[in-house]
């Protein structure tokens, strides 16, 4: 399995859940979770590109 794939996939799931929470009443928690997930997507993508 390629290095960086797991953080990218998990980051996508966390970003989607953060977006869902953001649309609800708890906007601050949604923004935090969304940012956390987006950071994992970016770091996973960097690993995927770096370790071709």
PDB file of N, CA and C in Angstrom:
ATOM      1  N   UNK A   1       0.843  -1.171   0.000  1.00  0.00           N
ATOM      2  CA  UNK A   1       0.000   0.000   0.000  1.00  0.00           C
ATOM      3  C   UNK A   1       0.893   1.241   0.000  1.00  0.00           C
ATOM      4  N   UNK A   2       0.529   2.210  -0.774  1.00  0.00           N
ATOM      5  CA  UNK A   2       1.354   3.409  -0.913  1.00  0.00           C
ATOM      6  C   UNK A   2       1.316   4.260   0.343  1.00  0.00           C
ATOM      7  N   UNK A   3       2.480   4.797   0.678  1.00  0.00           N
ATOM      8  CA  UNK A   3       2.593   5.649   1.861  1.00  0.00           C
ATOM      9  C   UNK A   3       1.858   6.965   1.609  1.00  0.00           C
ATOM     10  N   UNK A   4       1.031   7.368   2.541  1.00  0.00           N
ATOM     11  CA  UNK A   4       0.274   8.602   2.422  1.00  0.00           C
ATOM     12  C   UNK A   4      -1.168   8.389   2.019  1.00  0.00           C
ATOM     13  N   UNK A   5      -1.496   7.165   1.589  1.00  0.00           N
ATOM     14  CA  UNK A   5      -2.864   6.893   1.153  1.00  0.00           C
ATOM     15  C   UNK A   5      -3.834   6.865   2.334  1.00  0.00           C
ATOM     16  N   UNK A   6      -3.430   6.268   3.434  1.00  0.00           N
ATOM     17  CA  UNK A   6      -4.306   6.183   4.601  1.00  0.00           C
ATOM     18  C   UNK A   6      -4.609   7.569   5.176  1.00  0.00           C
ATOM     19  N   UNK A   7      -3.609   8.445   5.389  1.00  0.00           N
ATOM     20  CA  UNK A   7      -3.950   9.791   5.880  1.00  0.00           C
ATOM     21  C   UNK A   7      -4.834  10.573   4.916  1.00  0.00           C
ATOM     22  N   UNK A   8      -4.642  10.397   3.627  1.00  0.00           N
ATOM     23  CA  UNK A   8      -5.459  11.122   2.655  1.00  0.00           C
ATOM     24  C   UNK A   8      -6.912  10.650   2.702  1.00  0.00           C
ATOM     25  N   UNK A   9      -7.116   9.343   2.801  1.00  0.00           N
ATOM     26  CA  UNK A   9      -8.480   8.808   2.845  1.00  0.00           C
ATOM     27  C   UNK A   9      -9.159   9.172   4.159  1.00  0.00           C
ATOM     28  N   UNK A  10      -8.443   9.004   5.271  1.00  0.00           N
ATOM     29  CA  UNK A  10      -9.030   9.376   6.560  1.00  0.00           C
ATOM     30  C   UNK A  10      -9.301  10.884   6.633  1.00  0.00           C
ATOM     31  N   UNK A  11      -8.422  11.673   6.063  1.00  0.00           N
ATOM     32  CA  UNK A  11      -8.637  13.110   6.022  1.00  0.00           C
ATOM     33  C   UNK A  11      -9.873  13.484   5.229  1.00  0.00           C
ATOM     34  N   UNK A  12     -10.137  12.745   4.161  1.00  0.00           N
ATOM     35  CA  UNK A  12     -11.337  12.985   3.368  1.00  0.00           C
ATOM     36  C   UNK A  12     -12.592  12.681   4.177  1.00  0.00           C
ATOM     37  N   UNK A  13     -12.567  11.599   4.919  1.00  0.00           N
ATOM     38  CA  UNK A  13     -13.714  11.233   5.761  1.00  0.00           C
ATOM     39  C   UNK A  13     -13.927  12.274   6.859  1.00  0.00           C
ATOM     40  N   UNK A  14     -12.852  12.697   7.500  1.00  0.00           N
ATOM     41  CA  UNK A  14     -12.958  13.692   8.577  1.00  0.00           C
ATOM     42  C   UNK A  14     -13.418  15.041   8.019  1.00  0.00           C
ATOM     43  N   UNK A  15     -12.937  15.415   6.842  1.00  0.00           N
ATOM     44  CA  UNK A  15     -13.366  16.666   6.222  1.00  0.00           C
ATOM     45  C   UNK A  15     -14.852  16.629   5.904  1.00  0.00           C
ATOM     46  N   UNK A  16     -15.331  15.509   5.398  1.00  0.00           N
ATOM     47  CA  UNK A  16     -16.758  15.383   5.105  1.00  0.00           C
ATOM     48  C   UNK A  16     -17.598  15.456   6.368  1.00  0.00           C
ATOM     49  N   UNK A  17     -17.150  14.817   7.433  1.00  0.00           N
ATOM     50  CA  UNK A  17     -17.903  14.893   8.686  1.00  0.00           C
ATOM     51  C   UNK A  17     -17.850  16.299   9.279  1.00  0.00           C
ATOM     52  N   UNK A  18     -16.724  16.989   9.140  1.00  0.00           N
ATOM     53  CA  UNK A  18     -16.628  18.374   9.598  1.00  0.00           C
ATOM     54  C   UNK A  18     -17.559  19.283   8.830  1.00  0.00           C
ATOM     55  N   UNK A  19     -17.691  19.046   7.536  1.00  0.00           N
ATOM     56  CA  UNK A  19     -18.612  19.841   6.724  1.00  0.00           C
ATOM     57  C   UNK A  19     -20.060  19.597   7.150  1.00  0.00           C
ATOM     58  N   UNK A  20     -20.371  18.351   7.485  1.00  0.00           N
ATOM     59  CA  UNK A  20     -21.720  18.028   7.944  1.00  0.00           C
ATOM     60  C   UNK A  20     -22.023  18.722   9.270  1.00  0.00           C
ATOM     61  N   UNK A  21     -21.066  18.716  10.184  1.00  0.00           N
ATOM     62  CA  UNK A  21     -21.244  19.386  11.466  1.00  0.00           C
ATOM     63  C   UNK A  21     -21.325  20.899  11.269  1.00  0.00           C
ATOM     64  N   UNK A  22     -20.560  21.418  10.330  1.00  0.00           N
ATOM     65  CA  UNK A  22     -20.559  22.851  10.044  1.00  0.00           C
ATOM     66  C   UNK A  22     -21.930  23.335   9.592  1.00  0.00           C
ATOM     67  N   UNK A  23     -22.650  22.522   8.864  1.00  0.00           N
ATOM     68  CA  UNK A  23     -23.978  22.893   8.387  1.00  0.00           C
ATOM     69  C   UNK A  23     -25.010  22.883   9.502  1.00  0.00           C
ATOM     70  N   UNK A  24     -24.699  22.257  10.632  1.00  0.00           N
ATOM     71  CA  UNK A  24     -25.609  22.199  11.768  1.00  0.00           C
ATOM     72  C   UNK A  24     -25.462  23.418  12.666  1.00  0.00           C
ATOM     73  N   UNK A  25     -25.718  23.229  13.948  1.00  0.00           N
ATOM     74  CA  UNK A  25     -25.695  24.339  14.900  1.00  0.00           C
ATOM     75  C   UNK A  25     -24.316  24.623  15.472  1.00  0.00           C
ATOM     76  N   UNK A  26     -23.432  23.640  15.511  1.00  0.00           N
ATOM     77  CA  UNK A  26     -22.132  23.803  16.153  1.00  0.00           C
ATOM     78  C   UNK A  26     -21.072  24.188  15.114  1.00  0.00           C
ATOM     79  N   UNK A  27     -21.054  25.449  14.738  1.00  0.00           N
ATOM     80  CA  UNK A  27     -20.193  25.919  13.645  1.00  0.00           C
ATOM     81  C   UNK A  27     -18.706  25.907  14.009  1.00  0.00           C
ATOM     82  N   UNK A  28     -18.366  26.242  15.237  1.00  0.00           N
ATOM     83  CA  UNK A  28     -16.952  26.313  15.620  1.00  0.00           C
ATOM     84  C   UNK A  28     -16.322  24.918  15.618  1.00  0.00           C
ATOM     85  N   UNK A  29     -17.021  23.938  16.155  1.00  0.00           N
ATOM     86  CA  UNK A  29     -16.502  22.572  16.136  1.00  0.00           C
ATOM     87  C   UNK A  29     -16.391  22.064  14.700  1.00  0.00           C
ATOM     88  N   UNK A  30     -17.355  22.417  13.867  1.00  0.00           N
ATOM     89  CA  UNK A  30     -17.313  22.017  12.465  1.00  0.00           C
ATOM     90  C   UNK A  30     -16.113  22.589  11.743  1.00  0.00           C
ATOM     91  N   UNK A  31     -15.798  23.857  12.028  1.00  0.00           N
ATOM     92  CA  UNK A  31     -14.634  24.484  11.394  1.00  0.00           C
ATOM     93  C   UNK A  31     -13.340  23.798  11.832  1.00  0.00           C
ATOM     94  N   UNK A  32     -13.236  23.467  13.114  1.00  0.00           N
ATOM     95  CA  UNK A  32     -12.041  22.791  13.627  1.00  0.00           C
ATOM     96  C   UNK A  32     -11.856  21.419  13.016  1.00  0.00           C
ATOM     97  N   UNK A  33     -12.925  20.652  12.964  1.00  0.00           N
ATOM     98  CA  UNK A  33     -12.848  19.302  12.394  1.00  0.00           C
ATOM     99  C   UNK A  33     -12.568  19.369  10.898  1.00  0.00           C
ATOM    100  N   UNK A  34     -13.188  20.324  10.224  1.00  0.00           N
ATOM    101  CA  UNK A  34     -12.957  20.496   8.790  1.00  0.00           C
ATOM    102  C   UNK A  34     -11.491  20.847   8.515  1.00  0.00           C
ATOM    103  N   UNK A  35     -10.921  21.727   9.295  1.00  0.00           N
ATOM    104  CA  UNK A  35      -9.516  22.099   9.121  1.00  0.00           C
ATOM    105  C   UNK A  35      -8.573  20.954   9.429  1.00  0.00           C
ATOM    106  N   UNK A  36      -8.894  20.188  10.465  1.00  0.00           N
ATOM    107  CA  UNK A  36      -8.084  19.029  10.835  1.00  0.00           C
ATOM    108  C   UNK A  36      -8.078  18.006   9.708  1.00  0.00           C
ATOM    109  N   UNK A  37      -9.245  17.753   9.131  1.00  0.00           N
ATOM    110  CA  UNK A  37      -9.338  16.806   8.024  1.00  0.00           C
ATOM    111  C   UNK A  37      -8.618  17.300   6.787  1.00  0.00           C
ATOM    112  N   UNK A  38      -8.771  18.605   6.496  1.00  0.00           N
ATOM    113  CA  UNK A  38      -8.110  19.171   5.323  1.00  0.00           C
ATOM    114  C   UNK A  38      -6.586  19.089   5.464  1.00  0.00           C
ATOM    115  N   UNK A  39      -6.081  19.294   6.663  1.00  0.00           N
ATOM    116  CA  UNK A  39      -4.638  19.187   6.886  1.00  0.00           C
ATOM    117  C   UNK A  39      -4.156  17.760   6.614  1.00  0.00           C
ATOM    118  N   UNK A  40      -4.939  16.772   7.020  1.00  0.00           N
ATOM    119  CA  UNK A  40      -4.545  15.387   6.771  1.00  0.00           C
ATOM    120  C   UNK A  40      -4.592  15.052   5.280  1.00  0.00           C
ATOM    121  N   UNK A  41      -5.565  15.602   4.571  1.00  0.00           N
ATOM    122  CA  UNK A  41      -5.622  15.375   3.126  1.00  0.00           C
ATOM    123  C   UNK A  41      -4.378  15.960   2.461  1.00  0.00           C
ATOM    124  N   UNK A  42      -4.011  17.172   2.851  1.00  0.00           N
ATOM    125  CA  UNK A  42      -2.847  17.829   2.257  1.00  0.00           C
ATOM    126  C   UNK A  42      -1.563  17.071   2.587  1.00  0.00           C
ATOM    127  N   UNK A  43      -1.389  16.677   3.853  1.00  0.00           N
ATOM    128  CA  UNK A  43      -0.182  15.948   4.238  1.00  0.00           C
ATOM    129  C   UNK A  43      -0.113  14.566   3.579  1.00  0.00           C
ATOM    130  N   UNK A  44      -1.254  13.896   3.458  1.00  0.00           N
ATOM    131  CA  UNK A  44      -1.277  12.607   2.766  1.00  0.00           C
ATOM    132  C   UNK A  44      -0.943  12.751   1.295  1.00  0.00           C
ATOM    133  N   UNK A  45      -1.444  13.827   0.670  1.00  0.00           N
ATOM    134  CA  UNK A  45      -1.141  14.065  -0.741  1.00  0.00           C
ATOM    135  C   UNK A  45       0.346  14.365  -0.931  1.00  0.00           C
ATOM    136  N   UNK A  46       0.926  15.106  -0.004  1.00  0.00           N
ATOM    137  CA  UNK A  46       2.360  15.382  -0.081  1.00  0.00           C
ATOM    138  C   UNK A  46       3.159  14.081   0.006  1.00  0.00           C
ATOM    139  N   UNK A  47       2.770  13.186   0.920  1.00  0.00           N
ATOM    140  CA  UNK A  47       3.443  11.892   1.028  1.00  0.00           C
ATOM    141  C   UNK A  47       3.298  11.076  -0.244  1.00  0.00           C
ATOM    142  N   UNK A  48       2.093  11.102  -0.831  1.00  0.00           N
ATOM    143  CA  UNK A  48       1.881  10.349  -2.064  1.00  0.00           C
ATOM    144  C   UNK A  48       2.758  10.862  -3.196  1.00  0.00           C
ATOM    145  N   UNK A  49       2.892  12.161  -3.296  1.00  0.00           N
ATOM    146  CA  UNK A  49       3.708  12.755  -4.355  1.00  0.00           C
ATOM    147  C   UNK A  49       5.192  12.521  -4.100  1.00  0.00           C
ATOM    148  N   UNK A  50       5.581  12.636  -2.833  1.00  0.00           N
ATOM    149  CA  UNK A  50       6.993  12.526  -2.474  1.00  0.00           C
ATOM    150  C   UNK A  50       7.529  11.104  -2.642  1.00  0.00           C
ATOM    151  N   UNK A  51       6.714  10.102  -2.388  1.00  0.00           N
ATOM    152  CA  UNK A  51       7.165   8.703  -2.404  1.00  0.00           C
ATOM    153  C   UNK A  51       6.609   7.958  -3.617  1.00  0.00           C
ATOM    154  N   UNK A  52       6.849   8.461  -4.783  1.00  0.00           N
ATOM    155  CA  UNK A  52       6.366   7.804  -6.005  1.00  0.00           C
ATOM    156  C   UNK A  52       7.080   6.524  -6.257  1.00  0.00           C
TER     157      UNK A  52
END
